[in-house]
Amino acid sequence: QLQASGGGLVQAGGSLRLSCTASGRTFRSLSVGWFRQAPGKEREFVATSWRGNTYYAESLRGRFAISRDNAKNTVYLQMNSLKPEDTAIYYCAADAGLIMSSIRNGDNYDYWGQGTLVTVSS
């Protein structure tokens, strides 16, 4: 079970940190990623922590950073220099059996959190 939190309303240029806390699994062995879905758009990959490495959507690299604290069963998404186009529901997702070629596709993740809304005002 995954629980996402930390969303809210922020002005353009501001920052937010999202958290995704897992329960019921051996967290250390899970790949955990963030995806987002803006109104009227398809879900898109944001970032993932996979086998000790981090991967990002190219358009977000440098502004967003994913990290994890295995002792707290939590993955974080630090979002800086936010833009209105970052407005979306952000979902965390996890899986135990991803391969490299599958980490950017949300269909390959078995476990999903409920989403947290991020709204960036201009």
N, C-alpha and C. Protein backbone atom coordinates (compact mmCIF):
# COMPACT_ATOMS: atom_id res chain seq x y z
N GLN A 1 0.85 -1.19 0.00
CA GLN A 1 0.00 0.00 0.00
C GLN A 1 0.88 1.23 0.00
N LEU A 2 0.54 2.20 -0.85
CA LEU A 2 1.32 3.43 -0.98
C LEU A 2 0.45 4.62 -0.60
N GLN A 3 1.06 5.57 0.07
CA GLN A 3 0.36 6.77 0.49
C GLN A 3 1.17 7.97 0.05
N ALA A 4 0.61 8.76 -0.88
CA ALA A 4 1.28 9.96 -1.36
C ALA A 4 0.76 11.18 -0.61
N SER A 5 1.65 12.12 -0.36
CA SER A 5 1.25 13.33 0.33
C SER A 5 2.20 14.47 -0.06
N GLY A 6 1.83 15.67 0.36
CA GLY A 6 2.70 16.81 0.15
C GLY A 6 2.27 17.78 -0.92
N GLY A 7 1.23 17.45 -1.66
CA GLY A 7 0.75 18.36 -2.68
C GLY A 7 0.14 19.61 -2.08
N GLY A 8 -0.14 20.57 -2.95
CA GLY A 8 -0.75 21.80 -2.50
C GLY A 8 -0.68 22.86 -3.56
N LEU A 9 -0.98 24.08 -3.14
CA LEU A 9 -0.96 25.23 -4.03
C LEU A 9 0.33 26.00 -3.81
N VAL A 10 1.03 26.29 -4.89
CA VAL A 10 2.28 27.03 -4.80
C VAL A 10 2.37 28.00 -5.97
N GLN A 11 3.04 29.10 -5.76
CA GLN A 11 3.24 30.05 -6.85
C GLN A 11 4.35 29.58 -7.78
N ALA A 12 4.29 30.03 -9.00
CA ALA A 12 5.33 29.71 -9.96
C ALA A 12 6.69 30.13 -9.40
N GLY A 13 7.66 29.26 -9.58
CA GLY A 13 8.99 29.50 -9.04
C GLY A 13 9.22 28.90 -7.67
N GLY A 14 8.14 28.45 -7.05
CA GLY A 14 8.24 27.87 -5.73
C GLY A 14 8.63 26.40 -5.76
N SER A 15 8.63 25.81 -4.57
CA SER A 15 9.05 24.41 -4.42
C SER A 15 8.04 23.64 -3.58
N LEU A 16 8.00 22.35 -3.81
CA LEU A 16 7.23 21.43 -3.00
C LEU A 16 8.00 20.13 -2.88
N ARG A 17 7.78 19.42 -1.81
CA ARG A 17 8.33 18.08 -1.67
C ARG A 17 7.20 17.10 -1.43
N LEU A 18 7.08 16.16 -2.31
CA LEU A 18 6.09 15.10 -2.18
C LEU A 18 6.71 13.90 -1.47
N SER A 19 5.88 13.19 -0.74
CA SER A 19 6.32 11.98 -0.06
C SER A 19 5.45 10.81 -0.47
N CYS A 20 6.05 9.66 -0.54
CA CYS A 20 5.33 8.42 -0.83
C CYS A 20 5.80 7.39 0.19
N THR A 21 4.89 7.00 1.05
CA THR A 21 5.22 6.05 2.10
C THR A 21 4.57 4.71 1.80
N ALA A 22 5.36 3.65 1.92
CA ALA A 22 4.88 2.31 1.60
C ALA A 22 4.73 1.48 2.86
N SER A 23 3.80 0.55 2.79
CA SER A 23 3.62 -0.39 3.90
C SER A 23 3.31 -1.75 3.31
N GLY A 24 3.57 -2.78 4.08
CA GLY A 24 3.18 -4.11 3.68
C GLY A 24 4.12 -4.84 2.74
N ARG A 25 5.25 -4.22 2.42
CA ARG A 25 6.21 -4.88 1.53
C ARG A 25 7.62 -4.64 2.06
N THR A 26 8.55 -5.36 1.52
CA THR A 26 9.95 -5.07 1.78
C THR A 26 10.34 -3.89 0.92
N PHE A 27 10.32 -2.73 1.52
CA PHE A 27 10.43 -1.50 0.75
C PHE A 27 11.74 -1.43 -0.02
N ARG A 28 12.80 -1.89 0.60
CA ARG A 28 14.12 -1.74 -0.01
C ARG A 28 14.19 -2.38 -1.38
N SER A 29 13.43 -3.43 -1.59
CA SER A 29 13.50 -4.17 -2.85
C SER A 29 12.60 -3.58 -3.94
N LEU A 30 11.82 -2.59 -3.59
CA LEU A 30 10.87 -2.03 -4.55
C LEU A 30 11.49 -0.91 -5.38
N SER A 31 11.14 -0.88 -6.63
CA SER A 31 11.36 0.30 -7.45
C SER A 31 10.16 1.21 -7.23
N VAL A 32 10.42 2.48 -7.00
CA VAL A 32 9.34 3.43 -6.72
C VAL A 32 9.48 4.62 -7.66
N GLY A 33 8.39 4.93 -8.31
CA GLY A 33 8.42 6.03 -9.27
C GLY A 33 7.30 7.02 -9.03
N TRP A 34 7.43 8.16 -9.68
CA TRP A 34 6.40 9.19 -9.67
C TRP A 34 5.91 9.42 -11.09
N PHE A 35 4.62 9.54 -11.21
CA PHE A 35 3.97 9.87 -12.47
C PHE A 35 3.02 11.02 -12.20
N ARG A 36 2.60 11.68 -13.25
CA ARG A 36 1.64 12.76 -13.06
C ARG A 36 0.63 12.77 -14.20
N GLN A 37 -0.52 13.32 -13.91
CA GLN A 37 -1.55 13.45 -14.92
C GLN A 37 -2.21 14.81 -14.77
N ALA A 38 -2.05 15.60 -15.79
CA ALA A 38 -2.67 16.93 -15.84
C ALA A 38 -4.08 16.81 -16.42
N PRO A 39 -4.95 17.76 -16.11
CA PRO A 39 -6.32 17.70 -16.65
C PRO A 39 -6.33 17.60 -18.17
N GLY A 40 -7.04 16.61 -18.67
CA GLY A 40 -7.18 16.44 -20.11
C GLY A 40 -5.97 15.86 -20.80
N LYS A 41 -4.98 15.43 -20.02
CA LYS A 41 -3.77 14.86 -20.62
C LYS A 41 -3.55 13.44 -20.14
N GLU A 42 -2.69 12.76 -20.84
CA GLU A 42 -2.36 11.40 -20.44
C GLU A 42 -1.36 11.43 -19.28
N ARG A 43 -1.33 10.33 -18.56
CA ARG A 43 -0.36 10.17 -17.51
C ARG A 43 1.06 10.18 -18.08
N GLU A 44 1.97 10.82 -17.39
CA GLU A 44 3.35 10.85 -17.88
C GLU A 44 4.32 10.51 -16.76
N PHE A 45 5.41 9.95 -17.18
CA PHE A 45 6.49 9.58 -16.27
C PHE A 45 7.19 10.83 -15.76
N VAL A 46 7.51 10.82 -14.47
CA VAL A 46 8.25 11.93 -13.87
C VAL A 46 9.66 11.48 -13.47
N ALA A 47 9.73 10.49 -12.61
CA ALA A 47 11.02 10.02 -12.12
C ALA A 47 10.84 8.68 -11.44
N THR A 48 11.94 7.95 -11.32
CA THR A 48 11.88 6.69 -10.61
C THR A 48 13.19 6.37 -9.93
N SER A 49 13.11 5.64 -8.86
CA SER A 49 14.27 5.10 -8.15
C SER A 49 14.27 3.60 -8.40
N TRP A 50 15.27 3.18 -9.14
CA TRP A 50 15.32 1.78 -9.60
C TRP A 50 16.71 1.22 -9.34
N ARG A 51 16.77 0.19 -8.50
CA ARG A 51 18.01 -0.52 -8.22
C ARG A 51 19.14 0.42 -7.84
N GLY A 52 18.82 1.39 -7.00
CA GLY A 52 19.85 2.28 -6.51
C GLY A 52 20.17 3.45 -7.41
N ASN A 53 19.51 3.50 -8.56
CA ASN A 53 19.73 4.60 -9.49
C ASN A 53 18.45 5.41 -9.66
N THR A 54 18.62 6.62 -10.15
CA THR A 54 17.47 7.49 -10.38
C THR A 54 17.38 7.86 -11.84
N TYR A 55 16.16 7.97 -12.30
CA TYR A 55 15.90 8.28 -13.70
C TYR A 55 14.79 9.32 -13.77
N TYR A 56 14.90 10.20 -14.75
CA TYR A 56 13.98 11.32 -14.85
C TYR A 56 13.45 11.47 -16.26
N ALA A 57 12.26 12.07 -16.35
CA ALA A 57 11.82 12.57 -17.63
C ALA A 57 12.80 13.68 -18.02
N GLU A 58 13.25 13.65 -19.25
CA GLU A 58 14.29 14.60 -19.67
C GLU A 58 13.85 16.05 -19.47
N SER A 59 12.59 16.32 -19.66
CA SER A 59 12.10 17.70 -19.55
C SER A 59 12.10 18.20 -18.11
N LEU A 60 12.23 17.28 -17.15
CA LEU A 60 12.16 17.66 -15.74
C LEU A 60 13.51 17.56 -15.04
N ARG A 61 14.46 16.98 -15.71
CA ARG A 61 15.79 16.83 -15.10
C ARG A 61 16.34 18.20 -14.74
N GLY A 62 16.87 18.29 -13.55
CA GLY A 62 17.44 19.55 -13.09
C GLY A 62 16.50 20.34 -12.20
N ARG A 63 15.20 20.13 -12.35
CA ARG A 63 14.24 20.81 -11.48
C ARG A 63 13.66 19.86 -10.43
N PHE A 64 13.53 18.60 -10.80
CA PHE A 64 12.95 17.61 -9.91
C PHE A 64 14.04 16.64 -9.44
N ALA A 65 13.91 16.16 -8.22
CA ALA A 65 14.87 15.20 -7.68
C ALA A 65 14.13 14.15 -6.86
N ILE A 66 14.40 12.89 -7.16
CA ILE A 66 13.79 11.80 -6.41
C ILE A 66 14.83 11.23 -5.45
N SER A 67 14.39 10.91 -4.26
CA SER A 67 15.29 10.31 -3.27
C SER A 67 14.47 9.36 -2.41
N ARG A 68 15.17 8.53 -1.66
CA ARG A 68 14.44 7.58 -0.83
C ARG A 68 15.14 7.40 0.50
N ASP A 69 14.33 7.11 1.51
CA ASP A 69 14.82 6.79 2.84
C ASP A 69 14.23 5.43 3.18
N ASN A 70 15.03 4.40 2.99
CA ASN A 70 14.52 3.05 3.20
C ASN A 70 14.16 2.79 4.67
N ALA A 71 14.82 3.47 5.57
CA ALA A 71 14.50 3.29 7.00
C ALA A 71 13.09 3.79 7.32
N LYS A 72 12.63 4.76 6.53
CA LYS A 72 11.29 5.31 6.74
C LYS A 72 10.29 4.79 5.71
N ASN A 73 10.73 3.87 4.85
CA ASN A 73 9.84 3.35 3.80
C ASN A 73 9.23 4.47 2.98
N THR A 74 10.04 5.45 2.66
CA THR A 74 9.52 6.65 2.01
C THR A 74 10.40 7.06 0.84
N VAL A 75 9.74 7.46 -0.24
CA VAL A 75 10.40 8.07 -1.39
C VAL A 75 9.90 9.50 -1.50
N TYR A 76 10.81 10.39 -1.82
CA TYR A 76 10.49 11.81 -1.92
C TYR A 76 10.65 12.29 -3.35
N LEU A 77 9.88 13.31 -3.69
CA LEU A 77 10.07 14.01 -4.95
C LEU A 77 10.17 15.49 -4.63
N GLN A 78 11.38 16.01 -4.73
CA GLN A 78 11.61 17.43 -4.52
C GLN A 78 11.40 18.15 -5.85
N MET A 79 10.51 19.11 -5.84
CA MET A 79 10.19 19.84 -7.06
C MET A 79 10.52 21.31 -6.87
N ASN A 80 11.42 21.81 -7.68
CA ASN A 80 11.86 23.19 -7.59
C ASN A 80 11.51 23.96 -8.85
N SER A 81 11.55 25.27 -8.75
CA SER A 81 11.26 26.14 -9.89
C SER A 81 9.99 25.72 -10.60
N LEU A 82 8.96 25.52 -9.83
CA LEU A 82 7.72 25.01 -10.39
C LEU A 82 7.09 25.98 -11.37
N LYS A 83 6.45 25.40 -12.37
CA LYS A 83 5.80 26.16 -13.44
C LYS A 83 4.31 25.80 -13.46
N PRO A 84 3.49 26.67 -14.00
CA PRO A 84 2.06 26.33 -14.08
C PRO A 84 1.81 25.02 -14.82
N GLU A 85 2.64 24.69 -15.79
CA GLU A 85 2.45 23.44 -16.52
C GLU A 85 2.81 22.20 -15.69
N ASP A 86 3.34 22.39 -14.51
CA ASP A 86 3.57 21.26 -13.60
C ASP A 86 2.31 20.90 -12.82
N THR A 87 1.27 21.69 -12.98
CA THR A 87 0.01 21.40 -12.30
C THR A 87 -0.53 20.05 -12.75
N ALA A 88 -0.78 19.18 -11.79
CA ALA A 88 -1.23 17.82 -12.09
C ALA A 88 -1.51 17.08 -10.79
N ILE A 89 -2.12 15.93 -10.93
CA ILE A 89 -2.16 14.98 -9.82
C ILE A 89 -0.91 14.13 -9.94
N TYR A 90 -0.17 14.04 -8.87
CA TYR A 90 1.07 13.27 -8.85
C TYR A 90 0.81 11.96 -8.11
N TYR A 91 1.20 10.88 -8.76
CA TYR A 91 1.00 9.55 -8.22
C TYR A 91 2.36 8.89 -7.99
N CYS A 92 2.47 8.17 -6.89
CA CYS A 92 3.62 7.31 -6.74
C CYS A 92 3.20 5.88 -7.04
N ALA A 93 4.14 5.12 -7.54
CA ALA A 93 3.89 3.75 -7.94
C ALA A 93 5.10 2.91 -7.60
N ALA A 94 4.87 1.64 -7.38
CA ALA A 94 5.97 0.75 -6.99
C ALA A 94 5.82 -0.60 -7.65
N ASP A 95 6.94 -1.26 -7.77
CA ASP A 95 6.94 -2.60 -8.34
C ASP A 95 8.19 -3.32 -7.90
N ALA A 96 8.11 -4.62 -7.83
CA ALA A 96 9.26 -5.41 -7.39
C ALA A 96 10.03 -6.04 -8.55
N GLY A 97 9.48 -6.00 -9.75
CA GLY A 97 10.10 -6.78 -10.82
C GLY A 97 10.38 -6.03 -12.10
N LEU A 98 10.65 -4.73 -12.00
CA LEU A 98 10.87 -3.95 -13.21
C LEU A 98 12.22 -4.26 -13.84
N ILE A 99 12.25 -4.17 -15.13
CA ILE A 99 13.52 -4.19 -15.85
C ILE A 99 13.75 -2.80 -16.40
N MET A 100 14.97 -2.54 -16.82
CA MET A 100 15.36 -1.20 -17.22
C MET A 100 14.44 -0.60 -18.27
N SER A 101 14.07 -1.40 -19.23
CA SER A 101 13.27 -0.89 -20.35
C SER A 101 11.84 -0.58 -19.96
N SER A 102 11.43 -0.95 -18.75
CA SER A 102 10.03 -0.80 -18.37
C SER A 102 9.78 0.29 -17.33
N ILE A 103 10.83 0.95 -16.87
CA ILE A 103 10.67 1.83 -15.71
C ILE A 103 9.89 3.10 -16.02
N ARG A 104 9.82 3.50 -17.28
CA ARG A 104 9.15 4.76 -17.62
C ARG A 104 7.68 4.57 -18.00
N ASN A 105 7.22 3.34 -17.98
CA ASN A 105 5.85 3.04 -18.37
C ASN A 105 5.04 2.67 -17.14
N GLY A 106 4.09 3.49 -16.81
CA GLY A 106 3.29 3.25 -15.61
C GLY A 106 2.51 1.94 -15.63
N ASP A 107 2.24 1.43 -16.81
CA ASP A 107 1.50 0.16 -16.90
C ASP A 107 2.27 -1.00 -16.28
N ASN A 108 3.57 -0.82 -16.10
CA ASN A 108 4.41 -1.89 -15.57
C ASN A 108 4.52 -1.88 -14.04
N TYR A 109 3.92 -0.90 -13.41
CA TYR A 109 3.98 -0.81 -11.96
C TYR A 109 2.71 -1.45 -11.37
N ASP A 110 2.88 -2.31 -10.39
CA ASP A 110 1.74 -3.03 -9.82
C ASP A 110 1.02 -2.27 -8.71
N TYR A 111 1.72 -1.42 -8.00
CA TYR A 111 1.14 -0.77 -6.82
C TYR A 111 1.11 0.74 -7.03
N TRP A 112 -0.03 1.33 -6.69
CA TRP A 112 -0.22 2.76 -6.90
C TRP A 112 -0.78 3.42 -5.64
N GLY A 113 -0.31 4.64 -5.39
CA GLY A 113 -0.90 5.46 -4.35
C GLY A 113 -2.10 6.21 -4.89
N GLN A 114 -2.74 6.96 -4.03
CA GLN A 114 -4.00 7.61 -4.38
C GLN A 114 -3.82 8.93 -5.12
N GLY A 115 -2.62 9.46 -5.17
CA GLY A 115 -2.39 10.72 -5.86
C GLY A 115 -2.48 11.91 -4.92
N THR A 116 -1.69 12.92 -5.25
CA THR A 116 -1.72 14.16 -4.49
C THR A 116 -1.69 15.31 -5.50
N LEU A 117 -2.56 16.29 -5.30
CA LEU A 117 -2.73 17.36 -6.27
C LEU A 117 -1.71 18.46 -6.05
N VAL A 118 -1.03 18.82 -7.12
CA VAL A 118 -0.12 19.96 -7.12
C VAL A 118 -0.68 21.01 -8.07
N THR A 119 -0.87 22.20 -7.54
CA THR A 119 -1.37 23.31 -8.35
C THR A 119 -0.36 24.44 -8.29
N VAL A 120 0.11 24.86 -9.46
CA VAL A 120 1.08 25.93 -9.54
C VAL A 120 0.41 27.14 -10.18
N SER A 121 0.32 28.22 -9.44
CA SER A 121 -0.34 29.42 -9.95
C SER A 121 0.69 30.35 -10.61
N SER A 122 0.22 31.06 -11.60
CA SER A 122 1.13 31.97 -12.33
C SER A 122 1.16 33.35 -11.72
